[in-house]
Amino acid sequence: MLKQGVKSDFCTHLHSFLAGLTDLHYKMQGLTVIYVPQEGNNLPVEQASKDKELIKRLEGVVVQWTHQIRVALSDRDQGSSQDMLGPTDEHSFWIYRCKCIHTSTF
């Protein structure tokens, strides 16, 4: 049982580290990209759905996603409507925001 606990802790910390690293790397480029773990991809759905530790780890990743998406949507550095000079600026702003959302998976 100790081996499974060590594996679970290691995977949890690994996912957290990789999510933070992915976020930081792409944030420096002005993008929001979410980390998608590969753990469990090779398991049949029936087996993966019974692995409570795997589900717990993946739920933790989803919590990080929701935080990351909230920050991206409320980020005031991406521009505000007061900085817009006209409809073209507004259109460009929303095209940029759309690209940020569509490129948000890694």
PDB file of N, CA and C in Angstrom:
ATOM      1  N   MET A   1       0.826  -1.205   0.000  1.00  0.00           N
ATOM      2  CA  MET A   1       0.000   0.000   0.000  1.00  0.00           C
ATOM      3  C   MET A   1       0.862   1.258   0.000  1.00  0.00           C
ATOM      4  N   LEU A   2       2.023   1.177   0.626  1.00  0.00           N
ATOM      5  CA  LEU A   2       2.910   2.336   0.668  1.00  0.00           C
ATOM      6  C   LEU A   2       3.364   2.713  -0.734  1.00  0.00           C
ATOM      7  N   LYS A   3       3.635   1.707  -1.582  1.00  0.00           N
ATOM      8  CA  LYS A   3       4.072   1.988  -2.948  1.00  0.00           C
ATOM      9  C   LYS A   3       3.018   2.796  -3.702  1.00  0.00           C
ATOM     10  N   GLN A   4       1.752   2.430  -3.538  1.00  0.00           N
ATOM     11  CA  GLN A   4       0.673   3.136  -4.229  1.00  0.00           C
ATOM     12  C   GLN A   4       0.558   4.568  -3.714  1.00  0.00           C
ATOM     13  N   GLY A   5       0.735   4.764  -2.416  1.00  0.00           N
ATOM     14  CA  GLY A   5       0.685   6.109  -1.845  1.00  0.00           C
ATOM     15  C   GLY A   5       1.817   6.983  -2.343  1.00  0.00           C
ATOM     16  N   VAL A   6       3.004   6.403  -2.456  1.00  0.00           N
ATOM     17  CA  VAL A   6       4.161   7.141  -2.969  1.00  0.00           C
ATOM     18  C   VAL A   6       3.925   7.514  -4.433  1.00  0.00           C
ATOM     19  N   LYS A   7       3.407   6.565  -5.216  1.00  0.00           N
ATOM     20  CA  LYS A   7       3.121   6.834  -6.631  1.00  0.00           C
ATOM     21  C   LYS A   7       2.092   7.950  -6.763  1.00  0.00           C
ATOM     22  N   SER A   8       1.056   7.888  -5.952  1.00  0.00           N
ATOM     23  CA  SER A   8       0.004   8.890  -6.014  1.00  0.00           C
ATOM     24  C   SER A   8       0.542  10.278  -5.674  1.00  0.00           C
ATOM     25  N   ASP A   9       1.333  10.362  -4.599  1.00  0.00           N
ATOM     26  CA  ASP A   9       1.921  11.649  -4.208  1.00  0.00           C
ATOM     27  C   ASP A   9       2.847  12.177  -5.292  1.00  0.00           C
ATOM     28  N   PHE A  10       3.678  11.297  -5.839  1.00  0.00           N
ATOM     29  CA  PHE A  10       4.608  11.699  -6.890  1.00  0.00           C
ATOM     30  C   PHE A  10       3.847  12.231  -8.106  1.00  0.00           C
ATOM     31  N   CYS A  11       2.827  11.498  -8.543  1.00  0.00           N
ATOM     32  CA  CYS A  11       2.058  11.915  -9.720  1.00  0.00           C
ATOM     33  C   CYS A  11       1.325  13.232  -9.472  1.00  0.00           C
ATOM     34  N   THR A  12       0.786  13.405  -8.274  1.00  0.00           N
ATOM     35  CA  THR A  12       0.103  14.654  -7.934  1.00  0.00           C
ATOM     36  C   THR A  12       1.058  15.832  -8.042  1.00  0.00           C
ATOM     37  N   HIS A  13       2.245  15.693  -7.449  1.00  0.00           N
ATOM     38  CA  HIS A  13       3.233  16.775  -7.495  1.00  0.00           C
ATOM     39  C   HIS A  13       3.768  16.979  -8.912  1.00  0.00           C
ATOM     40  N   LEU A  14       3.921  15.906  -9.660  1.00  0.00           N
ATOM     41  CA  LEU A  14       4.384  16.012 -11.042  1.00  0.00           C
ATOM     42  C   LEU A  14       3.375  16.782 -11.891  1.00  0.00           C
ATOM     43  N   HIS A  15       2.089  16.455 -11.743  1.00  0.00           N
ATOM     44  CA  HIS A  15       1.053  17.166 -12.497  1.00  0.00           C
ATOM     45  C   HIS A  15       1.027  18.642 -12.124  1.00  0.00           C
ATOM     46  N   SER A  16       1.151  18.922 -10.843  1.00  0.00           N
ATOM     47  CA  SER A  16       1.152  20.312 -10.392  1.00  0.00           C
ATOM     48  C   SER A  16       2.341  21.076 -10.973  1.00  0.00           C
ATOM     49  N   PHE A  17       3.514  20.454 -10.939  1.00  0.00           N
ATOM     50  CA  PHE A  17       4.719  21.084 -11.479  1.00  0.00           C
ATOM     51  C   PHE A  17       4.591  21.324 -12.981  1.00  0.00           C
ATOM     52  N   LEU A  18       4.165  20.304 -13.723  1.00  0.00           N
ATOM     53  CA  LEU A  18       4.052  20.437 -15.176  1.00  0.00           C
ATOM     54  C   LEU A  18       2.972  21.446 -15.574  1.00  0.00           C
ATOM     55  N   ALA A  19       1.892  21.508 -14.803  1.00  0.00           N
ATOM     56  CA  ALA A  19       0.850  22.500 -15.081  1.00  0.00           C
ATOM     57  C   ALA A  19       1.395  23.909 -14.872  1.00  0.00           C
ATOM     58  N   GLY A  20       2.119  24.110 -13.779  1.00  0.00           N
ATOM     59  CA  GLY A  20       2.714  25.422 -13.516  1.00  0.00           C
ATOM     60  C   GLY A  20       3.753  25.801 -14.552  1.00  0.00           C
ATOM     61  N   LEU A  21       4.579  24.846 -14.931  1.00  0.00           N
ATOM     62  CA  LEU A  21       5.619  25.085 -15.936  1.00  0.00           C
ATOM     63  C   LEU A  21       5.002  25.425 -17.295  1.00  0.00           C
ATOM     64  N   THR A  22       3.985  24.676 -17.684  1.00  0.00           N
ATOM     65  CA  THR A  22       3.293  24.941 -18.947  1.00  0.00           C
ATOM     66  C   THR A  22       2.662  26.322 -18.930  1.00  0.00           C
ATOM     67  N   ASP A  23       1.997  26.656 -17.828  1.00  0.00           N
ATOM     68  CA  ASP A  23       1.349  27.959 -17.695  1.00  0.00           C
ATOM     69  C   ASP A  23       2.371  29.083 -17.808  1.00  0.00           C
ATOM     70  N   LEU A  24       3.461  28.984 -17.082  1.00  0.00           N
ATOM     71  CA  LEU A  24       4.489  30.024 -17.090  1.00  0.00           C
ATOM     72  C   LEU A  24       5.134  30.168 -18.470  1.00  0.00           C
ATOM     73  N   HIS A  25       5.477  29.048 -19.082  1.00  0.00           N
ATOM     74  CA  HIS A  25       6.128  29.072 -20.395  1.00  0.00           C
ATOM     75  C   HIS A  25       5.270  29.807 -21.427  1.00  0.00           C
ATOM     76  N   TYR A  26       4.001  29.462 -21.487  1.00  0.00           N
ATOM     77  CA  TYR A  26       3.134  30.062 -22.496  1.00  0.00           C
ATOM     78  C   TYR A  26       2.644  31.448 -22.102  1.00  0.00           C
ATOM     79  N   LYS A  27       2.532  31.711 -20.802  1.00  0.00           N
ATOM     80  CA  LYS A  27       2.122  33.039 -20.355  1.00  0.00           C
ATOM     81  C   LYS A  27       3.146  34.085 -20.792  1.00  0.00           C
ATOM     82  N   MET A  28       4.425  33.702 -20.825  1.00  0.00           N
ATOM     83  CA  MET A  28       5.476  34.616 -21.268  1.00  0.00           C
ATOM     84  C   MET A  28       5.307  34.965 -22.750  1.00  0.00           C
ATOM     85  N   GLN A  29       4.580  34.142 -23.483  1.00  0.00           N
ATOM     86  CA  GLN A  29       4.300  34.397 -24.894  1.00  0.00           C
ATOM     87  C   GLN A  29       2.932  35.055 -25.087  1.00  0.00           C
ATOM     88  N   GLY A  30       2.256  35.349 -23.976  1.00  0.00           N
ATOM     89  CA  GLY A  30       0.945  35.977 -24.045  1.00  0.00           C
ATOM     90  C   GLY A  30      -0.187  35.013 -24.309  1.00  0.00           C
ATOM     91  N   LEU A  31       0.044  33.719 -24.079  1.00  0.00           N
ATOM     92  CA  LEU A  31      -0.972  32.701 -24.344  1.00  0.00           C
ATOM     93  C   LEU A  31      -1.405  32.017 -23.059  1.00  0.00           C
ATOM     94  N   THR A  32      -2.584  31.456 -23.099  1.00  0.00           N
ATOM     95  CA  THR A  32      -3.064  30.616 -22.011  1.00  0.00           C
ATOM     96  C   THR A  32      -3.147  29.198 -22.554  1.00  0.00           C
ATOM     97  N   VAL A  33      -2.326  28.304 -22.013  1.00  0.00           N
ATOM     98  CA  VAL A  33      -2.295  26.909 -22.453  1.00  0.00           C
ATOM     99  C   VAL A  33      -2.451  26.031 -21.223  1.00  0.00           C
ATOM    100  N   ILE A  34      -3.376  25.079 -21.284  1.00  0.00           N
ATOM    101  CA  ILE A  34      -3.582  24.193 -20.144  1.00  0.00           C
ATOM    102  C   ILE A  34      -2.814  22.892 -20.340  1.00  0.00           C
ATOM    103  N   TYR A  35      -2.320  22.375 -19.244  1.00  0.00           N
ATOM    104  CA  TYR A  35      -1.583  21.108 -19.227  1.00  0.00           C
ATOM    105  C   TYR A  35      -2.581  19.957 -19.200  1.00  0.00           C
ATOM    106  N   VAL A  36      -2.427  19.017 -20.116  1.00  0.00           N
ATOM    107  CA  VAL A  36      -3.286  17.831 -20.160  1.00  0.00           C
ATOM    108  C   VAL A  36      -2.417  16.614 -19.861  1.00  0.00           C
ATOM    109  N   PRO A  37      -2.601  16.002 -18.679  1.00  0.00           N
ATOM    110  CA  PRO A  37      -1.770  14.850 -18.325  1.00  0.00           C
ATOM    111  C   PRO A  37      -2.072  13.639 -19.203  1.00  0.00           C
ATOM    112  N   GLN A  38      -1.056  12.835 -19.429  1.00  0.00           N
ATOM    113  CA  GLN A  38      -1.202  11.624 -20.240  1.00  0.00           C
ATOM    114  C   GLN A  38      -1.484  10.392 -19.375  1.00  0.00           C
ATOM    115  N   GLU A  39      -1.431  10.574 -18.070  1.00  0.00           N
ATOM    116  CA  GLU A  39      -1.643   9.454 -17.153  1.00  0.00           C
ATOM    117  C   GLU A  39      -3.041   8.867 -17.349  1.00  0.00           C
ATOM    118  N   GLY A  40      -3.112   7.577 -17.506  1.00  0.00           N
ATOM    119  CA  GLY A  40      -4.386   6.887 -17.639  1.00  0.00           C
ATOM    120  C   GLY A  40      -4.885   6.767 -19.065  1.00  0.00           C
ATOM    121  N   ASN A  41      -4.203   7.389 -20.013  1.00  0.00           N
ATOM    122  CA  ASN A  41      -4.645   7.306 -21.414  1.00  0.00           C
ATOM    123  C   ASN A  41      -4.585   5.888 -21.964  1.00  0.00           C
ATOM    124  N   ASN A  42      -3.687   5.077 -21.424  1.00  0.00           N
ATOM    125  CA  ASN A  42      -3.527   3.714 -21.934  1.00  0.00           C
ATOM    126  C   ASN A  42      -4.426   2.707 -21.214  1.00  0.00           C
ATOM    127  N   LEU A  43      -5.218   3.154 -20.264  1.00  0.00           N
ATOM    128  CA  LEU A  43      -6.112   2.262 -19.523  1.00  0.00           C
ATOM    129  C   LEU A  43      -7.495   2.233 -20.157  1.00  0.00           C
ATOM    130  N   PRO A  44      -8.153   1.080 -20.123  1.00  0.00           N
ATOM    131  CA  PRO A  44      -9.553   1.044 -20.557  1.00  0.00           C
ATOM    132  C   PRO A  44     -10.402   1.922 -19.631  1.00  0.00           C
ATOM    133  N   VAL A  45     -11.452   2.501 -20.169  1.00  0.00           N
ATOM    134  CA  VAL A  45     -12.301   3.412 -19.395  1.00  0.00           C
ATOM    135  C   VAL A  45     -12.832   2.736 -18.134  1.00  0.00           C
ATOM    136  N   GLU A  46     -13.222   1.469 -18.238  1.00  0.00           N
ATOM    137  CA  GLU A  46     -13.775   0.753 -17.086  1.00  0.00           C
ATOM    138  C   GLU A  46     -12.749   0.664 -15.957  1.00  0.00           C
ATOM    139  N   GLN A  47     -11.510   0.381 -16.312  1.00  0.00           N
ATOM    140  CA  GLN A  47     -10.454   0.255 -15.306  1.00  0.00           C
ATOM    141  C   GLN A  47     -10.093   1.621 -14.724  1.00  0.00           C
ATOM    142  N   ALA A  48      -9.967   2.620 -15.570  1.00  0.00           N
ATOM    143  CA  ALA A  48      -9.602   3.963 -15.105  1.00  0.00           C
ATOM    144  C   ALA A  48     -10.684   4.539 -14.198  1.00  0.00           C
ATOM    145  N   SER A  49     -11.943   4.266 -14.511  1.00  0.00           N
ATOM    146  CA  SER A  49     -13.036   4.821 -13.710  1.00  0.00           C
ATOM    147  C   SER A  49     -13.125   4.192 -12.324  1.00  0.00           C
ATOM    148  N   LYS A  50     -12.475   3.055 -12.119  1.00  0.00           N
ATOM    149  CA  LYS A  50     -12.470   2.400 -10.807  1.00  0.00           C
ATOM    150  C   LYS A  50     -11.248   2.773  -9.973  1.00  0.00           C
ATOM    151  N   ASP A  51     -10.285   3.449 -10.575  1.00  0.00           N
ATOM    152  CA  ASP A  51      -9.054   3.841  -9.878  1.00  0.00           C
ATOM    153  C   ASP A  51      -9.282   5.176  -9.174  1.00  0.00           C
ATOM    154  N   LYS A  52      -9.643   5.109  -7.893  1.00  0.00           N
ATOM    155  CA  LYS A  52      -9.991   6.309  -7.133  1.00  0.00           C
ATOM    156  C   LYS A  52      -8.833   7.300  -7.034  1.00  0.00           C
ATOM    157  N   GLU A  53      -7.613   6.800  -6.911  1.00  0.00           N
ATOM    158  CA  GLU A  53      -6.449   7.689  -6.818  1.00  0.00           C
ATOM    159  C   GLU A  53      -6.226   8.433  -8.134  1.00  0.00           C
ATOM    160  N   LEU A  54      -6.383   7.742  -9.248  1.00  0.00           N
ATOM    161  CA  LEU A  54      -6.242   8.377 -10.560  1.00  0.00           C
ATOM    162  C   LEU A  54      -7.295   9.466 -10.729  1.00  0.00           C
ATOM    163  N   ILE A  55      -8.524   9.148 -10.374  1.00  0.00           N
ATOM    164  CA  ILE A  55      -9.610  10.124 -10.483  1.00  0.00           C
ATOM    165  C   ILE A  55      -9.315  11.343  -9.617  1.00  0.00           C
ATOM    166  N   LYS A  56      -8.835  11.115  -8.407  1.00  0.00           N
ATOM    167  CA  LYS A  56      -8.509  12.218  -7.493  1.00  0.00           C
ATOM    168  C   LYS A  56      -7.418  13.113  -8.093  1.00  0.00           C
ATOM    169  N   ARG A  57      -6.386  12.503  -8.679  1.00  0.00           N
ATOM    170  CA  ARG A  57      -5.298  13.284  -9.287  1.00  0.00           C
ATOM    171  C   ARG A  57      -5.803  14.092 -10.478  1.00  0.00           C
ATOM    172  N   LEU A  58      -6.614  13.467 -11.319  1.00  0.00           N
ATOM    173  CA  LEU A  58      -7.120  14.163 -12.501  1.00  0.00           C
ATOM    174  C   LEU A  58      -8.106  15.267 -12.123  1.00  0.00           C
ATOM    175  N   GLU A  59      -8.868  15.058 -11.056  1.00  0.00           N
ATOM    176  CA  GLU A  59      -9.749  16.120 -10.574  1.00  0.00           C
ATOM    177  C   GLU A  59      -8.936  17.319 -10.100  1.00  0.00           C
ATOM    178  N   GLY A  60      -7.778  17.060  -9.497  1.00  0.00           N
ATOM    179  CA  GLY A  60      -6.887  18.147  -9.084  1.00  0.00           C
ATOM    180  C   GLY A  60      -6.404  18.957 -10.274  1.00  0.00           C
ATOM    181  N   VAL A  61      -6.127  18.280 -11.378  1.00  0.00           N
ATOM    182  CA  VAL A  61      -5.707  18.972 -12.602  1.00  0.00           C
ATOM    183  C   VAL A  61      -6.853  19.839 -13.128  1.00  0.00           C
ATOM    184  N   VAL A  62      -8.065  19.321 -13.075  1.00  0.00           N
ATOM    185  CA  VAL A  62      -9.226  20.078 -13.552  1.00  0.00           C
ATOM    186  C   VAL A  62      -9.436  21.334 -12.703  1.00  0.00           C
ATOM    187  N   VAL A  63      -9.193  21.240 -11.405  1.00  0.00           N
ATOM    188  CA  VAL A  63      -9.286  22.419 -10.535  1.00  0.00           C
ATOM    189  C   VAL A  63      -8.276  23.474 -10.985  1.00  0.00           C
ATOM    190  N   GLN A  64      -7.068  23.038 -11.338  1.00  0.00           N
ATOM    191  CA  GLN A  64      -6.067  23.978 -11.848  1.00  0.00           C
ATOM    192  C   GLN A  64      -6.536  24.613 -13.157  1.00  0.00           C
ATOM    193  N   TRP A  65      -7.188  23.825 -14.010  1.00  0.00           N
ATOM    194  CA  TRP A  65      -7.698  24.366 -15.275  1.00  0.00           C
ATOM    195  C   TRP A  65      -8.706  25.477 -15.019  1.00  0.00           C
ATOM    196  N   THR A  66      -9.644  25.234 -14.096  1.00  0.00           N
ATOM    197  CA  THR A  66     -10.684  26.234 -13.844  1.00  0.00           C
ATOM    198  C   THR A  66     -10.065  27.532 -13.339  1.00  0.00           C
ATOM    199  N   HIS A  67      -9.068  27.419 -12.476  1.00  0.00           N
ATOM    200  CA  HIS A  67      -8.380  28.621 -11.985  1.00  0.00           C
ATOM    201  C   HIS A  67      -7.692  29.342 -13.142  1.00  0.00           C
ATOM    202  N   GLN A  68      -7.002  28.595 -13.960  1.00  0.00           N
ATOM    203  CA  GLN A  68      -6.260  29.164 -15.084  1.00  0.00           C
ATOM    204  C   GLN A  68      -7.209  29.850 -16.079  1.00  0.00           C
ATOM    205  N   ILE A  69      -8.329  29.240 -16.359  1.00  0.00           N
ATOM    206  CA  ILE A  69      -9.296  29.815 -17.298  1.00  0.00           C
ATOM    207  C   ILE A  69      -9.923  31.072 -16.711  1.00  0.00           C
ATOM    208  N   ARG A  70     -10.245  31.050 -15.413  1.00  0.00           N
ATOM    209  CA  ARG A  70     -10.791  32.252 -14.767  1.00  0.00           C
ATOM    210  C   ARG A  70      -9.816  33.415 -14.853  1.00  0.00           C
ATOM    211  N   VAL A  71      -8.546  33.139 -14.583  1.00  0.00           N
ATOM    212  CA  VAL A  71      -7.522  34.188 -14.658  1.00  0.00           C
ATOM    213  C   VAL A  71      -7.419  34.716 -16.085  1.00  0.00           C
ATOM    214  N   ALA A  72      -7.429  33.817 -17.063  1.00  0.00           N
ATOM    215  CA  ALA A  72      -7.311  34.235 -18.464  1.00  0.00           C
ATOM    216  C   ALA A  72      -8.492  35.101 -18.888  1.00  0.00           C
ATOM    217  N   LEU A  73      -9.680  34.748 -18.430  1.00  0.00           N
ATOM    218  CA  LEU A  73     -10.866  35.504 -18.820  1.00  0.00           C
ATOM    219  C   LEU A  73     -10.969  36.846 -18.112  1.00  0.00           C
ATOM    220  N   SER A  74     -10.395  36.948 -16.927  1.00  0.00           N
ATOM    221  CA  SER A  74     -10.486  38.206 -16.185  1.00  0.00           C
ATOM    222  C   SER A  74      -9.206  39.027 -16.253  1.00  0.00           C
ATOM    223  N   ASP A  75      -8.243  38.571 -17.024  1.00  0.00           N
ATOM    224  CA  ASP A  75      -6.958  39.257 -17.107  1.00  0.00           C
ATOM    225  C   ASP A  75      -7.129  40.650 -17.701  1.00  0.00           C
ATOM    226  N   ARG A  76      -6.843  41.638 -16.895  1.00  0.00           N
ATOM    227  CA  ARG A  76      -7.019  43.023 -17.334  1.00  0.00           C
ATOM    228  C   ARG A  76      -5.868  43.499 -18.212  1.00  0.00           C
ATOM    229  N   ASP A  77      -4.764  42.754 -18.230  1.00  0.00           N
ATOM    230  CA  ASP A  77      -3.626  43.146 -19.052  1.00  0.00           C
ATOM    231  C   ASP A  77      -3.867  42.896 -20.533  1.00  0.00           C
ATOM    232  N   GLN A  78      -4.894  42.161 -20.858  1.00  0.00           N
ATOM    233  CA  GLN A  78      -5.164  41.844 -22.259  1.00  0.00           C
ATOM    234  C   GLN A  78      -5.878  42.990 -22.964  1.00  0.00           C
ATOM    235  N   GLY A  79      -6.122  44.041 -22.258  1.00  0.00           N
ATOM    236  CA  GLY A  79      -6.770  45.206 -22.854  1.00  0.00           C
ATOM    237  C   GLY A  79      -8.118  45.457 -22.230  1.00  0.00           C
ATOM    238  N   SER A  80      -8.570  46.663 -22.343  1.00  0.00           N
ATOM    239  CA  SER A  80      -9.892  47.011 -21.838  1.00  0.00           C
ATOM    240  C   SER A  80     -10.596  47.850 -22.889  1.00  0.00           C
ATOM    241  N   SER A  81     -11.882  47.955 -22.771  1.00  0.00           N
ATOM    242  CA  SER A  81     -12.645  48.683 -23.774  1.00  0.00           C
ATOM    243  C   SER A  81     -12.314  50.173 -23.765  1.00  0.00           C
ATOM    244  N   GLN A  82     -11.708  50.695 -22.684  1.00  0.00           N
ATOM    245  CA  GLN A  82     -11.312  52.100 -22.648  1.00  0.00           C
ATOM    246  C   GLN A  82     -10.131  52.359 -23.582  1.00  0.00           C
ATOM    247  N   ASP A  83      -9.320  51.333 -23.840  1.00  0.00           N
ATOM    248  CA  ASP A  83      -8.169  51.474 -24.728  1.00  0.00           C
ATOM    249  C   ASP A  83      -8.551  51.357 -26.199  1.00  0.00           C
ATOM    250  N   MET A  84      -9.774  50.953 -26.467  1.00  0.00           N
ATOM    251  CA  MET A  84     -10.208  50.747 -27.839  1.00  0.00           C
ATOM    252  C   MET A  84     -10.487  52.100 -28.494  1.00  0.00           C
ATOM    253  N   LEU A  85      -9.986  52.263 -29.696  1.00  0.00           N
ATOM    254  CA  LEU A  85     -10.191  53.512 -30.414  1.00  0.00           C
ATOM    255  C   LEU A  85     -11.390  53.447 -31.347  1.00  0.00           C
ATOM    256  N   GLY A  86     -11.768  52.253 -31.729  1.00  0.00           N
ATOM    257  CA  GLY A  86     -12.896  52.116 -32.644  1.00  0.00           C
ATOM    258  C   GLY A  86     -13.269  50.661 -32.828  1.00  0.00           C
ATOM    259  N   PRO A  87     -14.195  50.405 -33.743  1.00  0.00           N
ATOM    260  CA  PRO A  87     -14.656  49.034 -33.974  1.00  0.00           C
ATOM    261  C   PRO A  87     -13.543  48.084 -34.416  1.00  0.00           C
ATOM    262  N   THR A  88     -12.566  48.582 -35.156  1.00  0.00           N
ATOM    263  CA  THR A  88     -11.467  47.730 -35.610  1.00  0.00           C
ATOM    264  C   THR A  88     -10.644  47.231 -34.426  1.00  0.00           C
ATOM    265  N   ASP A  89     -10.384  48.132 -33.462  1.00  0.00           N
ATOM    266  CA  ASP A  89      -9.652  47.729 -32.257  1.00  0.00           C
ATOM    267  C   ASP A  89     -10.444  46.700 -31.454  1.00  0.00           C
ATOM    268  N   GLU A  90     -11.734  46.929 -31.329  1.00  0.00           N
ATOM    269  CA  GLU A  90     -12.602  45.996 -30.602  1.00  0.00           C
ATOM    270  C   GLU A  90     -12.591  44.631 -31.290  1.00  0.00           C
ATOM    271  N   HIS A  91     -12.699  44.616 -32.598  1.00  0.00           N
ATOM    272  CA  HIS A  91     -12.682  43.370 -33.366  1.00  0.00           C
ATOM    273  C   HIS A  91     -11.348  42.648 -33.178  1.00  0.00           C
ATOM    274  N   SER A  92     -10.244  43.366 -33.272  1.00  0.00           N
ATOM    275  CA  SER A  92      -8.913  42.771 -33.094  1.00  0.00           C
ATOM    276  C   SER A  92      -8.751  42.178 -31.697  1.00  0.00           C
ATOM    277  N   PHE A  93      -9.270  42.895 -30.697  1.00  0.00           N
ATOM    278  CA  PHE A  93      -9.193  42.422 -29.318  1.00  0.00           C
ATOM    279  C   PHE A  93      -9.909  41.083 -29.171  1.00  0.00           C
ATOM    280  N   TRP A  94     -11.117  40.961 -29.727  1.00  0.00           N
ATOM    281  CA  TRP A  94     -11.883  39.732 -29.568  1.00  0.00           C
ATOM    282  C   TRP A  94     -11.321  38.597 -30.409  1.00  0.00           C
ATOM    283  N   ILE A  95     -10.703  38.903 -31.523  1.00  0.00           N
ATOM    284  CA  ILE A  95     -10.007  37.872 -32.307  1.00  0.00           C
ATOM    285  C   ILE A  95      -8.845  37.325 -31.481  1.00  0.00           C
ATOM    286  N   TYR A  96      -8.094  38.227 -30.840  1.00  0.00           N
ATOM    287  CA  TYR A  96      -6.973  37.820 -29.983  1.00  0.00           C
ATOM    288  C   TYR A  96      -7.464  36.945 -28.832  1.00  0.00           C
ATOM    289  N   ARG A  97      -8.536  37.358 -28.155  1.00  0.00           N
ATOM    290  CA  ARG A  97      -9.075  36.576 -27.035  1.00  0.00           C
ATOM    291  C   ARG A  97      -9.536  35.205 -27.508  1.00  0.00           C
ATOM    292  N   CYS A  98     -10.142  35.152 -28.680  1.00  0.00           N
ATOM    293  CA  CYS A  98     -10.600  33.876 -29.240  1.00  0.00           C
ATOM    294  C   CYS A  98      -9.410  32.953 -29.498  1.00  0.00           C
ATOM    295  N   LYS A  99      -8.334  33.491 -30.051  1.00  0.00           N
ATOM    296  CA  LYS A  99      -7.138  32.683 -30.301  1.00  0.00           C
ATOM    297  C   LYS A  99      -6.553  32.171 -28.992  1.00  0.00           C
ATOM    298  N   CYS A 100      -6.570  33.002 -27.957  1.00  0.00           N
ATOM    299  CA  CYS A 100      -6.044  32.576 -26.653  1.00  0.00           C
ATOM    300  C   CYS A 100      -6.836  31.392 -26.106  1.00  0.00           C
ATOM    301  N   ILE A 101      -8.149  31.447 -26.248  1.00  0.00           N
ATOM    302  CA  ILE A 101      -8.994  30.363 -25.744  1.00  0.00           C
ATOM    303  C   ILE A 101      -8.807  29.104 -26.595  1.00  0.00           C
ATOM    304  N   HIS A 102      -8.758  29.242 -27.910  1.00  0.00           N
ATOM    305  CA  HIS A 102      -8.638  28.078 -28.793  1.00  0.00           C
ATOM    306  C   HIS A 102      -7.276  27.405 -28.715  1.00  0.00           C
ATOM    307  N   THR A 103      -6.254  28.121 -28.305  1.00  0.00           N
ATOM    308  CA  THR A 103      -4.917  27.523 -28.184  1.00  0.00           C
ATOM    309  C   THR A 103      -4.615  27.153 -26.744  1.00  0.00           C
ATOM    310  N   SER A 104      -5.647  26.931 -25.952  1.00  0.00           N
ATOM    311  CA  SER A 104      -5.432  26.718 -24.524  1.00  0.00           C
ATOM    312  C   SER A 104      -5.260  25.259 -24.130  1.00  0.00           C
ATOM    313  N   THR A 105      -4.933  24.384 -25.053  1.00  0.00           N
ATOM    314  CA  THR A 105      -4.638  23.001 -24.682  1.00  0.00           C
ATOM    315  C   THR A 105      -3.241  22.639 -25.132  1.00  0.00           C
ATOM    316  N   PHE A 106      -2.580  21.856 -24.311  1.00  0.00           N
ATOM    317  CA  PHE A 106      -1.205  21.446 -24.604  1.00  0.00           C
ATOM    318  C   PHE A 106      -1.166  19.958 -24.777  1.00  0.00           C
TER     319      PHE A 106
END
